[in-house]
Structures are given as structure tokens and as C-alpha cells.
Amino acid sequence: MVPVDIAHHVKEAVLEVTWEDGAVSRLAAGLLRGWCPCATCQGHTPGIRFHEPPAGVTIAELHEVGAYALGIRFSDGHDNGIFTWPHLRWVAAYGQG
């Protein structure tokens, strides 16, 4: 599953992803920061854990990584995570609680 459109709603601190199947995911910056998949946040053990993000965190910058992911720099300076399309879809489906 790949996105056909990605919109960064700055005032809302939300990343909106429209997927090729027509589904639309609205992902808050704090949610993305909390589910950052990088080794610094997740370590090197199996599984992924939510880490409470800094209050008021926003998305400072986005860039595409190849044709398979987004790189996100957050307002707290963290930018190690590579958010693959499957990871973003997982956060949208399961990471919201």
C-alpha cells in the first residue's frame, strides 16, 4: 500500500496521507513522534513501543526517502526515524490506541 497524496497541515500539526485504496489517515505529529521507528527510540529488540513525545511537538520538515518512506524532522530536533509506508499505515490503523 502506497500513498497517492501526502499533506502537512501545519496549523493542526497533522500529516494527512491518502492511500491508493482511497483510505485517508490523519496522523498527529505527537503520535508519529511517539511511534518513531528509529533505533534510538526503539532499541534493537523485537517489537515497537510508544514513547511519550514532548508536549507540543510539531513536524518541522518532511522529505521523501527513496520511493518507500518519509523522513520527518520534529520540532524537538529528532530526525532519526524513517517512516516507511507500511509503518505509517500501521500507526494509522493500530497506533492510535
PDB file of N, CA and C in Angstrom:
ATOM      1  N   MET A   1       0.854  -1.177   0.000  1.00  0.00           N
ATOM      2  CA  MET A   1       0.000   0.000   0.000  1.00  0.00           C
ATOM      3  C   MET A   1       0.898   1.238   0.000  1.00  0.00           C
ATOM      4  N   VAL A   2       0.674   2.118  -0.946  1.00  0.00           N
ATOM      5  CA  VAL A   2       1.472   3.336  -1.038  1.00  0.00           C
ATOM      6  C   VAL A   2       0.557   4.557  -1.044  1.00  0.00           C
ATOM      7  N   PRO A   3       1.082   5.684  -0.583  1.00  0.00           N
ATOM      8  CA  PRO A   3       0.269   6.903  -0.622  1.00  0.00           C
ATOM      9  C   PRO A   3       0.187   7.478  -2.031  1.00  0.00           C
ATOM     10  N   VAL A   4      -0.938   8.122  -2.304  1.00  0.00           N
ATOM     11  CA  VAL A   4      -1.083   8.856  -3.555  1.00  0.00           C
ATOM     12  C   VAL A   4      -1.023  10.352  -3.307  1.00  0.00           C
ATOM     13  N   ASP A   5      -1.155  10.749  -2.021  1.00  0.00           N
ATOM     14  CA  ASP A   5      -1.044  12.158  -1.655  1.00  0.00           C
ATOM     15  C   ASP A   5      -0.657  12.260  -0.185  1.00  0.00           C
ATOM     16  N   ILE A   6       0.203  13.215   0.106  1.00  0.00           N
ATOM     17  CA  ILE A   6       0.606  13.495   1.486  1.00  0.00           C
ATOM     18  C   ILE A   6       0.504  14.993   1.685  1.00  0.00           C
ATOM     19  N   ALA A   7      -0.225  15.411   2.716  1.00  0.00           N
ATOM     20  CA  ALA A   7      -0.389  16.828   3.018  1.00  0.00           C
ATOM     21  C   ALA A   7       0.011  17.079   4.462  1.00  0.00           C
ATOM     22  N   HIS A   8       0.799  18.115   4.661  1.00  0.00           N
ATOM     23  CA  HIS A   8       1.206  18.522   6.005  1.00  0.00           C
ATOM     24  C   HIS A   8       0.357  19.723   6.390  1.00  0.00           C
ATOM     25  N   HIS A   9      -0.527  19.530   7.359  1.00  0.00           N
ATOM     26  CA  HIS A   9      -1.376  20.613   7.855  1.00  0.00           C
ATOM     27  C   HIS A   9      -0.662  21.246   9.052  1.00  0.00           C
ATOM     28  N   VAL A  10       0.088  22.289   8.774  1.00  0.00           N
ATOM     29  CA  VAL A  10       0.984  22.904   9.756  1.00  0.00           C
ATOM     30  C   VAL A  10       0.225  23.392  10.988  1.00  0.00           C
ATOM     31  N   LYS A  11      -0.845  24.135  10.799  1.00  0.00           N
ATOM     32  CA  LYS A  11      -1.574  24.712  11.937  1.00  0.00           C
ATOM     33  C   LYS A  11      -2.168  23.644  12.847  1.00  0.00           C
ATOM     34  N   GLU A  12      -2.525  22.501  12.281  1.00  0.00           N
ATOM     35  CA  GLU A  12      -3.096  21.408  13.067  1.00  0.00           C
ATOM     36  C   GLU A  12      -2.028  20.432  13.568  1.00  0.00           C
ATOM     37  N   ALA A  13      -0.797  20.564  13.089  1.00  0.00           N
ATOM     38  CA  ALA A  13       0.289  19.617  13.388  1.00  0.00           C
ATOM     39  C   ALA A  13      -0.123  18.194  13.027  1.00  0.00           C
ATOM     40  N   VAL A  14      -0.652  18.049  11.810  1.00  0.00           N
ATOM     41  CA  VAL A  14      -1.158  16.759  11.330  1.00  0.00           C
ATOM     42  C   VAL A  14      -0.584  16.456   9.957  1.00  0.00           C
ATOM     43  N   LEU A  15      -0.243  15.185   9.765  1.00  0.00           N
ATOM     44  CA  LEU A  15       0.148  14.677   8.460  1.00  0.00           C
ATOM     45  C   LEU A  15      -1.047  13.896   7.924  1.00  0.00           C
ATOM     46  N   GLU A  16      -1.539  14.282   6.749  1.00  0.00           N
ATOM     47  CA  GLU A  16      -2.672  13.597   6.148  1.00  0.00           C
ATOM     48  C   GLU A  16      -2.184  12.790   4.956  1.00  0.00           C
ATOM     49  N   VAL A  17      -2.433  11.485   5.005  1.00  0.00           N
ATOM     50  CA  VAL A  17      -1.976  10.576   3.949  1.00  0.00           C
ATOM     51  C   VAL A  17      -3.198   9.975   3.278  1.00  0.00           C
ATOM     52  N   THR A  18      -3.272  10.123   1.959  1.00  0.00           N
ATOM     53  CA  THR A  18      -4.310   9.464   1.173  1.00  0.00           C
ATOM     54  C   THR A  18      -3.653   8.272   0.495  1.00  0.00           C
ATOM     55  N   TRP A  19      -4.202   7.092   0.745  1.00  0.00           N
ATOM     56  CA  TRP A  19      -3.634   5.841   0.256  1.00  0.00           C
ATOM     57  C   TRP A  19      -4.264   5.427  -1.075  1.00  0.00           C
ATOM     58  N   GLU A  20      -3.581   4.542  -1.781  1.00  0.00           N
ATOM     59  CA  GLU A  20      -4.051   4.125  -3.100  1.00  0.00           C
ATOM     60  C   GLU A  20      -5.409   3.413  -3.057  1.00  0.00           C
ATOM     61  N   ASP A  21      -5.810   2.888  -1.891  1.00  0.00           N
ATOM     62  CA  ASP A  21      -7.122   2.249  -1.772  1.00  0.00           C
ATOM     63  C   ASP A  21      -8.222   3.251  -1.409  1.00  0.00           C
ATOM     64  N   GLY A  22      -7.864   4.547  -1.329  1.00  0.00           N
ATOM     65  CA  GLY A  22      -8.830   5.595  -1.031  1.00  0.00           C
ATOM     66  C   GLY A  22      -8.932   5.961   0.441  1.00  0.00           C
ATOM     67  N   ALA A  23      -8.329   5.167   1.321  1.00  0.00           N
ATOM     68  CA  ALA A  23      -8.343   5.484   2.752  1.00  0.00           C
ATOM     69  C   ALA A  23      -7.537   6.754   3.003  1.00  0.00           C
ATOM     70  N   VAL A  24      -7.959   7.509   4.005  1.00  0.00           N
ATOM     71  CA  VAL A  24      -7.253   8.735   4.389  1.00  0.00           C
ATOM     72  C   VAL A  24      -6.872   8.608   5.861  1.00  0.00           C
ATOM     73  N   SER A  25      -5.590   8.817   6.155  1.00  0.00           N
ATOM     74  CA  SER A  25      -5.087   8.752   7.528  1.00  0.00           C
ATOM     75  C   SER A  25      -4.670  10.139   7.964  1.00  0.00           C
ATOM     76  N   ARG A  26      -5.133  10.561   9.141  1.00  0.00           N
ATOM     77  CA  ARG A  26      -4.727  11.842   9.734  1.00  0.00           C
ATOM     78  C   ARG A  26      -3.895  11.515  10.959  1.00  0.00           C
ATOM     79  N   LEU A  27      -2.608  11.793  10.873  1.00  0.00           N
ATOM     80  CA  LEU A  27      -1.647  11.404  11.897  1.00  0.00           C
ATOM     81  C   LEU A  27      -1.076  12.637  12.585  1.00  0.00           C
ATOM     82  N   ALA A  28      -1.388  12.787  13.863  1.00  0.00           N
ATOM     83  CA  ALA A  28      -0.881  13.919  14.634  1.00  0.00           C
ATOM     84  C   ALA A  28       0.627  13.794  14.806  1.00  0.00           C
ATOM     85  N   ALA A  29       1.302  14.921  14.841  1.00  0.00           N
ATOM     86  CA  ALA A  29       2.763  14.934  14.994  1.00  0.00           C
ATOM     87  C   ALA A  29       3.195  14.187  16.249  1.00  0.00           C
ATOM     88  N   GLY A  30       2.492  14.383  17.357  1.00  0.00           N
ATOM     89  CA  GLY A  30       2.844  13.695  18.593  1.00  0.00           C
ATOM     90  C   GLY A  30       2.728  12.189  18.477  1.00  0.00           C
ATOM     91  N   LEU A  31       1.726  11.731  17.747  1.00  0.00           N
ATOM     92  CA  LEU A  31       1.548  10.299  17.526  1.00  0.00           C
ATOM     93  C   LEU A  31       2.724   9.741  16.727  1.00  0.00           C
ATOM     94  N   LEU A  32       3.103  10.438  15.673  1.00  0.00           N
ATOM     95  CA  LEU A  32       4.238   9.996  14.860  1.00  0.00           C
ATOM     96  C   LEU A  32       5.530  10.002  15.662  1.00  0.00           C
ATOM     97  N   ARG A  33       5.740  11.061  16.439  1.00  0.00           N
ATOM     98  CA  ARG A  33       6.963  11.138  17.263  1.00  0.00           C
ATOM     99  C   ARG A  33       6.991   9.998  18.282  1.00  0.00           C
ATOM    100  N   GLY A  34       5.840   9.679  18.858  1.00  0.00           N
ATOM    101  CA  GLY A  34       5.765   8.614  19.841  1.00  0.00           C
ATOM    102  C   GLY A  34       6.019   7.231  19.272  1.00  0.00           C
ATOM    103  N   TRP A  35       5.677   7.025  18.009  1.00  0.00           N
ATOM    104  CA  TRP A  35       5.889   5.749  17.342  1.00  0.00           C
ATOM    105  C   TRP A  35       7.106   5.773  16.418  1.00  0.00           C
ATOM    106  N   CYS A  36       8.031   6.684  16.665  1.00  0.00           N
ATOM    107  CA  CYS A  36       9.233   6.756  15.824  1.00  0.00           C
ATOM    108  C   CYS A  36       9.909   5.386  15.783  1.00  0.00           C
ATOM    109  N   PRO A  37      10.210   4.890  14.585  1.00  0.00           N
ATOM    110  CA  PRO A  37      10.777   3.549  14.462  1.00  0.00           C
ATOM    111  C   PRO A  37      12.299   3.475  14.577  1.00  0.00           C
ATOM    112  N   CYS A  38      12.965   4.581  14.846  1.00  0.00           N
ATOM    113  CA  CYS A  38      14.431   4.572  14.831  1.00  0.00           C
ATOM    114  C   CYS A  38      15.004   3.744  15.987  1.00  0.00           C
ATOM    115  N   ALA A  39      16.251   3.337  15.839  1.00  0.00           N
ATOM    116  CA  ALA A  39      16.924   2.534  16.861  1.00  0.00           C
ATOM    117  C   ALA A  39      17.099   3.310  18.161  1.00  0.00           C
ATOM    118  N   THR A  40      17.259   4.619  18.092  1.00  0.00           N
ATOM    119  CA  THR A  40      17.377   5.418  19.306  1.00  0.00           C
ATOM    120  C   THR A  40      16.112   5.303  20.143  1.00  0.00           C
ATOM    121  N   CYS A  41      14.960   5.343  19.497  1.00  0.00           N
ATOM    122  CA  CYS A  41      13.679   5.258  20.204  1.00  0.00           C
ATOM    123  C   CYS A  41      13.290   3.826  20.536  1.00  0.00           C
ATOM    124  N   GLN A  42      13.576   2.909  19.644  1.00  0.00           N
ATOM    125  CA  GLN A  42      13.080   1.548  19.786  1.00  0.00           C
ATOM    126  C   GLN A  42      14.128   0.542  20.250  1.00  0.00           C
ATOM    127  N   GLY A  43      15.394   0.921  20.233  1.00  0.00           N
ATOM    128  CA  GLY A  43      16.426  -0.037  20.588  1.00  0.00           C
ATOM    129  C   GLY A  43      16.574  -1.081  19.495  1.00  0.00           C
ATOM    130  N   HIS A  44      17.169  -2.179  19.842  1.00  0.00           N
ATOM    131  CA  HIS A  44      17.421  -3.230  18.852  1.00  0.00           C
ATOM    132  C   HIS A  44      16.704  -4.518  19.219  1.00  0.00           C
ATOM    133  N   THR A  45      15.623  -4.414  19.970  1.00  0.00           N
ATOM    134  CA  THR A  45      14.858  -5.591  20.359  1.00  0.00           C
ATOM    135  C   THR A  45      13.624  -5.699  19.471  1.00  0.00           C
ATOM    136  N   PRO A  46      13.062  -6.888  19.370  1.00  0.00           N
ATOM    137  CA  PRO A  46      11.855  -7.050  18.548  1.00  0.00           C
ATOM    138  C   PRO A  46      10.686  -6.236  19.110  1.00  0.00           C
ATOM    139  N   GLY A  47       9.781  -5.888  18.236  1.00  0.00           N
ATOM    140  CA  GLY A  47       8.597  -5.147  18.652  1.00  0.00           C
ATOM    141  C   GLY A  47       8.834  -3.651  18.648  1.00  0.00           C
ATOM    142  N   ILE A  48       7.749  -2.934  18.754  1.00  0.00           N
ATOM    143  CA  ILE A  48       7.822  -1.477  18.746  1.00  0.00           C
ATOM    144  C   ILE A  48       6.978  -0.958  19.898  1.00  0.00           C
ATOM    145  N   ARG A  49       7.493   0.066  20.560  1.00  0.00           N
ATOM    146  CA  ARG A  49       6.824   0.632  21.734  1.00  0.00           C
ATOM    147  C   ARG A  49       6.584   2.129  21.536  1.00  0.00           C
ATOM    148  N   PHE A  50       5.495   2.593  22.113  1.00  0.00           N
ATOM    149  CA  PHE A  50       5.175   4.014  22.084  1.00  0.00           C
ATOM    150  C   PHE A  50       5.978   4.712  23.181  1.00  0.00           C
ATOM    151  N   HIS A  51       6.574   5.845  22.838  1.00  0.00           N
ATOM    152  CA  HIS A  51       7.299   6.677  23.796  1.00  0.00           C
ATOM    153  C   HIS A  51       6.612   8.036  23.845  1.00  0.00           C
ATOM    154  N   GLU A  52       6.258   8.465  25.026  1.00  0.00           N
ATOM    155  CA  GLU A  52       5.546   9.735  25.180  1.00  0.00           C
ATOM    156  C   GLU A  52       6.361  10.865  24.540  1.00  0.00           C
ATOM    157  N   PRO A  53       5.772  11.583  23.578  1.00  0.00           N
ATOM    158  CA  PRO A  53       6.503  12.655  22.905  1.00  0.00           C
ATOM    159  C   PRO A  53       6.542  13.919  23.764  1.00  0.00           C
ATOM    160  N   PRO A  54       7.459  14.825  23.454  1.00  0.00           N
ATOM    161  CA  PRO A  54       7.471  16.110  24.150  1.00  0.00           C
ATOM    162  C   PRO A  54       6.155  16.856  23.894  1.00  0.00           C
ATOM    163  N   ALA A  55       5.681  17.568  24.872  1.00  0.00           N
ATOM    164  CA  ALA A  55       4.446  18.336  24.726  1.00  0.00           C
ATOM    165  C   ALA A  55       4.585  19.348  23.589  1.00  0.00           C
ATOM    166  N   GLY A  56       3.555  19.435  22.783  1.00  0.00           N
ATOM    167  CA  GLY A  56       3.520  20.438  21.718  1.00  0.00           C
ATOM    168  C   GLY A  56       4.414  20.163  20.535  1.00  0.00           C
ATOM    169  N   VAL A  57       4.936  18.949  20.408  1.00  0.00           N
ATOM    170  CA  VAL A  57       5.832  18.641  19.289  1.00  0.00           C
ATOM    171  C   VAL A  57       5.076  18.796  17.966  1.00  0.00           C
ATOM    172  N   THR A  58       5.780  19.316  16.981  1.00  0.00           N
ATOM    173  CA  THR A  58       5.218  19.502  15.641  1.00  0.00           C
ATOM    174  C   THR A  58       6.176  18.911  14.623  1.00  0.00           C
ATOM    175  N   ILE A  59       5.743  18.892  13.381  1.00  0.00           N
ATOM    176  CA  ILE A  59       6.596  18.458  12.278  1.00  0.00           C
ATOM    177  C   ILE A  59       7.286  19.689  11.724  1.00  0.00           C
ATOM    178  N   ALA A  60       8.616  19.679  11.763  1.00  0.00           N
ATOM    179  CA  ALA A  60       9.379  20.819  11.270  1.00  0.00           C
ATOM    180  C   ALA A  60       9.719  20.670   9.786  1.00  0.00           C
ATOM    181  N   GLU A  61       9.920  19.426   9.344  1.00  0.00           N
ATOM    182  CA  GLU A  61      10.335  19.204   7.956  1.00  0.00           C
ATOM    183  C   GLU A  61      10.011  17.775   7.550  1.00  0.00           C
ATOM    184  N   LEU A  62       9.648  17.601   6.290  1.00  0.00           N
ATOM    185  CA  LEU A  62       9.400  16.291   5.696  1.00  0.00           C
ATOM    186  C   LEU A  62      10.262  16.139   4.456  1.00  0.00           C
ATOM    187  N   HIS A  63      10.736  14.930   4.212  1.00  0.00           N
ATOM    188  CA  HIS A  63      11.387  14.650   2.939  1.00  0.00           C
ATOM    189  C   HIS A  63      11.179  13.188   2.581  1.00  0.00           C
ATOM    190  N   GLU A  64      11.044  12.931   1.304  1.00  0.00           N
ATOM    191  CA  GLU A  64      10.846  11.566   0.846  1.00  0.00           C
ATOM    192  C   GLU A  64      12.171  10.828   0.900  1.00  0.00           C
ATOM    193  N   VAL A  65      12.110   9.582   1.317  1.00  0.00           N
ATOM    194  CA  VAL A  65      13.279   8.700   1.354  1.00  0.00           C
ATOM    195  C   VAL A  65      13.034   7.645   0.287  1.00  0.00           C
ATOM    196  N   GLY A  66      13.773   7.760  -0.807  1.00  0.00           N
ATOM    197  CA  GLY A  66      13.533   6.863  -1.927  1.00  0.00           C
ATOM    198  C   GLY A  66      12.077   6.936  -2.347  1.00  0.00           C
ATOM    199  N   ALA A  67      11.510   5.792  -2.699  1.00  0.00           N
ATOM    200  CA  ALA A  67      10.093   5.733  -3.048  1.00  0.00           C
ATOM    201  C   ALA A  67       9.347   4.896  -2.022  1.00  0.00           C
ATOM    202  N   TYR A  68       9.914   4.791  -0.805  1.00  0.00           N
ATOM    203  CA  TYR A  68       9.343   3.858   0.164  1.00  0.00           C
ATOM    204  C   TYR A  68       9.069   4.457   1.536  1.00  0.00           C
ATOM    205  N   ALA A  69       9.415   5.720   1.773  1.00  0.00           N
ATOM    206  CA  ALA A  69       9.293   6.237   3.137  1.00  0.00           C
ATOM    207  C   ALA A  69       9.356   7.755   3.182  1.00  0.00           C
ATOM    208  N   LEU A  70       9.061   8.274   4.388  1.00  0.00           N
ATOM    209  CA  LEU A  70       9.247   9.689   4.703  1.00  0.00           C
ATOM    210  C   LEU A  70      10.281   9.824   5.806  1.00  0.00           C
ATOM    211  N   GLY A  71      11.103  10.836   5.677  1.00  0.00           N
ATOM    212  CA  GLY A  71      11.948  11.264   6.779  1.00  0.00           C
ATOM    213  C   GLY A  71      11.248  12.452   7.417  1.00  0.00           C
ATOM    214  N   ILE A  72      11.161  12.441   8.738  1.00  0.00           N
ATOM    215  CA  ILE A  72      10.476  13.522   9.442  1.00  0.00           C
ATOM    216  C   ILE A  72      11.421  14.118  10.477  1.00  0.00           C
ATOM    217  N   ARG A  73      11.589  15.444  10.409  1.00  0.00           N
ATOM    218  CA  ARG A  73      12.300  16.154  11.481  1.00  0.00           C
ATOM    219  C   ARG A  73      11.239  16.834  12.321  1.00  0.00           C
ATOM    220  N   PHE A  74      11.273  16.539  13.612  1.00  0.00           N
ATOM    221  CA  PHE A  74      10.296  17.094  14.531  1.00  0.00           C
ATOM    222  C   PHE A  74      10.831  18.370  15.167  1.00  0.00           C
ATOM    223  N   SER A  75       9.938  19.130  15.761  1.00  0.00           N
ATOM    224  CA  SER A  75      10.309  20.420  16.348  1.00  0.00           C
ATOM    225  C   SER A  75      11.287  20.284  17.511  1.00  0.00           C
ATOM    226  N   ASP A  76      11.395  19.103  18.103  1.00  0.00           N
ATOM    227  CA  ASP A  76      12.376  18.897  19.174  1.00  0.00           C
ATOM    228  C   ASP A  76      13.752  18.522  18.625  1.00  0.00           C
ATOM    229  N   GLY A  77      13.897  18.537  17.289  1.00  0.00           N
ATOM    230  CA  GLY A  77      15.173  18.251  16.647  1.00  0.00           C
ATOM    231  C   GLY A  77      15.365  16.793  16.273  1.00  0.00           C
ATOM    232  N   HIS A  78      14.501  15.911  16.732  1.00  0.00           N
ATOM    233  CA  HIS A  78      14.640  14.481  16.439  1.00  0.00           C
ATOM    234  C   HIS A  78      14.345  14.233  14.970  1.00  0.00           C
ATOM    235  N   ASP A  79      15.248  13.502  14.299  1.00  0.00           N
ATOM    236  CA  ASP A  79      15.050  13.231  12.870  1.00  0.00           C
ATOM    237  C   ASP A  79      15.646  11.897  12.437  1.00  0.00           C
ATOM    238  N   ASN A  80      15.759  10.953  13.354  1.00  0.00           N
ATOM    239  CA  ASN A  80      16.403   9.671  13.038  1.00  0.00           C
ATOM    240  C   ASN A  80      15.485   8.659  12.374  1.00  0.00           C
ATOM    241  N   GLY A  81      14.188   8.799  12.529  1.00  0.00           N
ATOM    242  CA  GLY A  81      13.266   7.778  12.046  1.00  0.00           C
ATOM    243  C   GLY A  81      13.025   7.839  10.558  1.00  0.00           C
ATOM    244  N   ILE A  82      12.933   6.659   9.951  1.00  0.00           N
ATOM    245  CA  ILE A  82      12.495   6.527   8.565  1.00  0.00           C
ATOM    246  C   ILE A  82      11.121   5.875   8.623  1.00  0.00           C
ATOM    247  N   PHE A  83      10.104   6.627   8.275  1.00  0.00           N
ATOM    248  CA  PHE A  83       8.724   6.193   8.373  1.00  0.00           C
ATOM    249  C   PHE A  83       8.303   5.569   7.050  1.00  0.00           C
ATOM    250  N   THR A  84       8.454   4.249   6.949  1.00  0.00           N
ATOM    251  CA  THR A  84       8.085   3.544   5.722  1.00  0.00           C
ATOM    252  C   THR A  84       6.576   3.609   5.526  1.00  0.00           C
ATOM    253  N   TRP A  85       6.144   3.373   4.298  1.00  0.00           N
ATOM    254  CA  TRP A  85       4.701   3.384   4.032  1.00  0.00           C
ATOM    255  C   TRP A  85       3.982   2.351   4.905  1.00  0.00           C
ATOM    256  N   PRO A  86       4.483   1.112   5.026  1.00  0.00           N
ATOM    257  CA  PRO A  86       3.784   0.167   5.914  1.00  0.00           C
ATOM    258  C   PRO A  86       3.743   0.633   7.377  1.00  0.00           C
ATOM    259  N   HIS A  87       4.803   1.285   7.846  1.00  0.00           N
ATOM    260  CA  HIS A  87       4.802   1.762   9.225  1.00  0.00           C
ATOM    261  C   HIS A  87       3.760   2.868   9.414  1.00  0.00           C
ATOM    262  N   LEU A  88       3.684   3.800   8.477  1.00  0.00           N
ATOM    263  CA  LEU A  88       2.680   4.862   8.569  1.00  0.00           C
ATOM    264  C   LEU A  88       1.269   4.279   8.556  1.00  0.00           C
ATOM    265  N   ARG A  89       1.049   3.282   7.714  1.00  0.00           N
ATOM    266  CA  ARG A  89      -0.278   2.654   7.646  1.00  0.00           C
ATOM    267  C   ARG A  89      -0.580   1.930   8.958  1.00  0.00           C
ATOM    268  N   TRP A  90       0.435   1.297   9.551  1.00  0.00           N
ATOM    269  CA  TRP A  90       0.261   0.603  10.828  1.00  0.00           C
ATOM    270  C   TRP A  90      -0.105   1.611  11.915  1.00  0.00           C
ATOM    271  N   VAL A  91       0.623   2.731  11.990  1.00  0.00           N
ATOM    272  CA  VAL A  91       0.328   3.750  13.002  1.00  0.00           C
ATOM    273  C   VAL A  91      -1.101   4.254  12.821  1.00  0.00           C
ATOM    274  N   ALA A  92      -1.513   4.461  11.594  1.00  0.00           N
ATOM    275  CA  ALA A  92      -2.872   4.931  11.336  1.00  0.00           C
ATOM    276  C   ALA A  92      -3.912   3.918  11.810  1.00  0.00           C
ATOM    277  N   ALA A  93      -3.642   2.642  11.611  1.00  0.00           N
ATOM    278  CA  ALA A  93      -4.617   1.609  11.951  1.00  0.00           C
ATOM    279  C   ALA A  93      -4.586   1.188  13.415  1.00  0.00           C
ATOM    280  N   TYR A  94      -3.385   1.077  13.971  1.00  0.00           N
ATOM    281  CA  TYR A  94      -3.249   0.461  15.304  1.00  0.00           C
ATOM    282  C   TYR A  94      -2.594   1.344  16.352  1.00  0.00           C
ATOM    283  N   GLY A  95      -1.890   2.358  15.924  1.00  0.00           N
ATOM    284  CA  GLY A  95      -1.106   3.150  16.853  1.00  0.00           C
ATOM    285  C   GLY A  95      -1.848   4.232  17.605  1.00  0.00           C
ATOM    286  N   GLN A  96      -3.133   4.369  17.331  1.00  0.00           N
ATOM    287  CA  GLN A  96      -3.877   5.463  17.943  1.00  0.00           C
ATOM    288  C   GLN A  96      -4.625   5.052  19.209  1.00  0.00           C
ATOM    289  N   GLY A  97      -4.345   3.852  19.677  1.00  0.00           N
ATOM    290  CA  GLY A  97      -4.914   3.485  20.950  1.00  0.00           C
ATOM    291  C   GLY A  97      -5.792   2.318  20.876  1.00  0.00           C
TER     292      GLY A  97
END
